[in-house]
Amino acid sequence: MGRLVEHADRLLGFCERLFLVFANGCLAILLTVNTLNIASRAIWDRGLQWVFPWSTVLFVWMSFFGFYVVYRMRSDITVDFVYERLGPLGQMIVRQFVNILILLLMAVMVWHGPEIIKRQAGIIEQVYFFGIQVERFTLAVPLFVTCGLIFLNYLVDMICGLRGETMPSHRTRNSDTR
């Protein structure tokens, strides 16, 4: 079981780095096209009409890709002052309780994913990717992939917690030891 947990943690770490690149790539493109749009308006008194729809798509994707990275890097907002005052048993109970809550929330989100994607029918106006108009459902795909990865991340953390261990990726980081 230990090797499976380590392999899963390594896969999650790879996805973290990949999603960080995706989120930063979305941000870089977003900033670049908006700068070009501002320059176009200033120089030629004419904006680029496709910038606003693409900015919306890139912002949504950036947020959803970054969502996983935030949780994986443990950069989410936590209230540790109570947790730190609990003994080892109390910390283990709180850790598992939080893990169960997150697992349930992510399971509900993924469960409803197919229905939500079905409802997002149609195209996004003025958003083309290599000449093909982008479908509206593509906005939600990164969210559900992220939810699945967060689910797996907290499942691994739950297994490690039940074994009295820290996740392998958290052993090497200089962060708190929740």
Protein backbone atom coordinates (compact mmCIF):
# COMPACT_ATOMS: atom_id res chain seq x y z
CA MET A 1 0.00 0.00 0.00
CA GLY A 2 2.90 2.34 0.75
CA ARG A 3 4.29 2.10 -2.78
CA LEU A 4 0.86 2.72 -4.29
CA VAL A 5 0.48 5.85 -2.15
CA GLU A 6 3.93 7.08 -3.20
CA HIS A 7 3.16 6.47 -6.89
CA ALA A 8 -0.18 8.26 -6.58
CA ASP A 9 1.54 11.15 -4.79
CA ARG A 10 4.15 11.38 -7.57
CA LEU A 11 1.40 11.41 -10.21
CA LEU A 12 -0.42 14.13 -8.27
CA GLY A 13 2.84 16.11 -8.08
CA PHE A 14 3.27 15.82 -11.85
CA CYS A 15 -0.31 17.06 -12.35
CA GLU A 16 0.41 19.93 -9.94
CA ARG A 17 3.38 21.08 -12.02
CA LEU A 18 1.45 20.62 -15.27
CA PHE A 19 -1.55 22.57 -13.98
CA LEU A 20 0.73 25.31 -12.69
CA VAL A 21 2.17 25.64 -16.20
CA PHE A 22 -1.36 25.68 -17.66
CA ALA A 23 -2.58 28.32 -15.18
CA ASN A 24 0.49 30.50 -15.75
CA GLY A 25 0.18 30.00 -19.52
CA CYS A 26 -3.45 31.14 -19.41
CA LEU A 27 -2.41 34.18 -17.38
CA ALA A 28 0.45 35.03 -19.76
CA ILE A 29 -1.80 34.78 -22.81
CA LEU A 30 -4.52 36.75 -21.03
CA LEU A 31 -2.12 39.58 -20.21
CA THR A 32 -0.58 39.55 -23.68
CA VAL A 33 -3.84 39.71 -25.65
CA ASN A 34 -5.26 42.41 -23.36
CA THR A 35 -2.06 44.45 -23.77
CA LEU A 36 -2.36 44.06 -27.55
CA ASN A 37 -6.00 45.13 -27.35
CA ILE A 38 -5.12 48.25 -25.35
CA ALA A 39 -2.31 49.06 -27.80
CA SER A 40 -4.64 48.51 -30.77
CA ARG A 41 -7.18 50.90 -29.29
CA ALA A 42 -4.51 53.51 -28.60
CA ILE A 43 -2.75 53.26 -31.96
CA TRP A 44 -5.54 52.52 -34.46
CA ASP A 45 -8.57 53.55 -32.37
CA ARG A 46 -9.96 50.07 -32.91
CA GLY A 47 -10.05 47.20 -30.44
CA LEU A 48 -9.68 43.49 -31.10
CA GLN A 49 -13.21 42.10 -30.75
CA TRP A 50 -12.11 38.55 -29.95
CA VAL A 51 -10.10 39.59 -26.87
CA PHE A 52 -12.99 39.87 -24.40
CA PRO A 53 -14.49 36.39 -25.07
CA TRP A 54 -11.05 34.78 -25.00
CA SER A 55 -10.20 36.68 -21.80
CA THR A 56 -13.27 35.18 -20.17
CA VAL A 57 -12.36 31.65 -21.28
CA LEU A 58 -8.72 32.01 -20.22
CA PHE A 59 -9.68 33.46 -16.85
CA VAL A 60 -12.06 30.57 -16.13
CA TRP A 61 -9.47 27.99 -17.19
CA MET A 62 -6.72 29.73 -15.21
CA SER A 63 -8.91 29.71 -12.10
CA PHE A 64 -9.82 26.03 -12.43
CA PHE A 65 -6.27 24.88 -13.18
CA GLY A 66 -4.97 27.02 -10.31
CA PHE A 67 -7.63 25.61 -7.98
CA TYR A 68 -5.85 22.25 -7.86
CA VAL A 69 -2.40 23.82 -7.50
CA VAL A 70 -3.57 25.86 -4.48
CA TYR A 71 -4.85 22.76 -2.69
CA ARG A 72 -1.89 20.63 -3.64
CA MET A 73 0.62 23.26 -2.46
CA ARG A 74 -1.46 23.66 0.70
CA SER A 75 -1.83 27.37 0.04
CA ASP A 76 -5.51 27.42 0.85
CA ILE A 77 -6.77 29.40 3.83
CA THR A 78 -6.70 27.43 7.06
CA VAL A 79 -7.43 28.24 10.66
CA ASP A 80 -4.56 26.50 12.45
CA PHE A 81 -4.62 28.14 15.87
CA VAL A 82 -7.20 25.64 17.17
CA TYR A 83 -5.69 22.70 15.30
CA GLU A 84 -2.21 23.36 16.69
CA ARG A 85 -3.50 23.31 20.27
CA LEU A 86 -5.01 19.85 19.87
CA GLY A 87 -2.97 16.83 20.78
CA PRO A 88 -1.90 14.22 18.22
CA LEU A 89 -5.20 12.32 18.50
CA GLY A 90 -7.26 15.51 18.10
CA GLN A 91 -5.18 16.58 15.11
CA MET A 92 -5.67 13.16 13.50
CA ILE A 93 -9.44 13.36 14.05
CA VAL A 94 -9.66 16.88 12.62
CA ARG A 95 -7.44 15.93 9.67
CA GLN A 96 -9.62 12.92 8.82
CA PHE A 97 -12.83 14.94 9.31
CA VAL A 98 -11.59 17.61 6.88
CA ASN A 99 -10.45 14.92 4.44
CA ILE A 100 -13.90 13.29 4.53
CA LEU A 101 -15.64 16.64 3.98
CA ILE A 102 -13.44 17.47 1.00
CA LEU A 103 -13.85 13.96 -0.45
CA LEU A 104 -17.63 14.28 -0.17
CA LEU A 105 -17.66 17.75 -1.72
CA MET A 106 -15.45 16.71 -4.64
CA ALA A 107 -17.48 13.52 -5.16
CA VAL A 108 -20.70 15.56 -5.35
CA MET A 109 -19.13 17.98 -7.83
CA VAL A 110 -17.79 15.20 -10.06
CA TRP A 111 -21.07 13.28 -9.76
CA HIS A 112 -22.99 16.28 -11.12
CA GLY A 113 -20.36 16.99 -13.77
CA PRO A 114 -21.97 15.12 -16.68
CA GLU A 115 -25.32 16.83 -16.07
CA ILE A 116 -23.71 20.26 -15.85
CA ILE A 117 -21.72 19.66 -19.03
CA LYS A 118 -24.91 18.55 -20.85
CA ARG A 119 -26.57 21.82 -19.88
CA GLN A 120 -23.70 23.84 -21.30
CA ALA A 121 -24.77 23.34 -24.88
CA GLY A 122 -23.77 25.63 -27.67
CA ILE A 123 -20.74 27.60 -28.68
CA ILE A 124 -18.87 30.50 -27.16
CA GLU A 125 -19.26 33.37 -29.59
CA GLN A 126 -16.07 34.73 -31.16
CA VAL A 127 -13.89 32.05 -29.57
CA TYR A 128 -12.12 29.94 -32.18
CA PHE A 129 -9.30 27.46 -31.69
CA PHE A 130 -7.48 26.68 -34.94
CA GLY A 131 -10.59 27.67 -36.88
CA ILE A 132 -12.99 25.56 -34.82
CA GLN A 133 -15.52 27.34 -32.64
CA VAL A 134 -15.10 26.41 -28.97
CA GLU A 135 -18.05 24.68 -27.28
CA ARG A 136 -19.41 26.08 -24.03
CA PHE A 137 -18.86 22.81 -22.11
CA THR A 138 -15.08 23.25 -22.43
CA LEU A 139 -15.27 25.92 -19.73
CA ALA A 140 -16.18 23.28 -17.12
CA VAL A 141 -13.86 20.45 -18.14
CA PRO A 142 -10.82 21.77 -16.19
CA LEU A 143 -13.05 22.17 -13.11
CA PHE A 144 -14.08 18.52 -13.07
CA VAL A 145 -10.56 17.27 -13.80
CA THR A 146 -9.36 19.45 -10.91
CA CYS A 147 -12.09 18.08 -8.62
CA GLY A 148 -11.03 14.54 -9.48
CA LEU A 149 -7.39 15.34 -8.71
CA ILE A 150 -8.30 17.06 -5.43
CA PHE A 151 -10.37 13.99 -4.52
CA LEU A 152 -7.40 11.71 -5.20
CA ASN A 153 -5.05 14.05 -3.30
CA TYR A 154 -7.21 14.00 -0.17
CA LEU A 155 -7.79 10.26 -0.48
CA VAL A 156 -4.01 9.77 -0.42
CA ASP A 157 -3.77 12.17 2.55
CA MET A 158 -6.51 10.22 4.34
CA ILE A 159 -4.67 6.93 3.81
CA CYS A 160 -1.41 8.48 5.03
CA GLY A 161 -3.21 9.98 8.04
CA LEU A 162 -4.73 6.65 9.01
CA ARG A 163 -1.24 5.16 8.87
CA GLY A 164 0.07 8.00 11.06
CA GLU A 165 2.20 9.42 8.25
CA THR A 166 2.53 12.67 6.34
CA MET A 167 1.94 12.61 2.59
CA PRO A 168 5.26 12.00 0.79
CA SER A 169 5.05 15.36 -1.00
CA HIS A 170 4.43 17.17 2.30
CA ARG A 171 7.49 15.61 3.92
CA THR A 172 9.80 17.57 1.63
CA ARG A 173 8.00 20.92 1.80
CA ASN A 174 8.64 23.59 4.36
CA SER A 175 4.95 24.00 5.17
CA ASP A 176 2.78 23.13 8.13
CA THR A 177 2.26 19.47 8.98
CA ARG A 178 -1.50 19.21 8.99
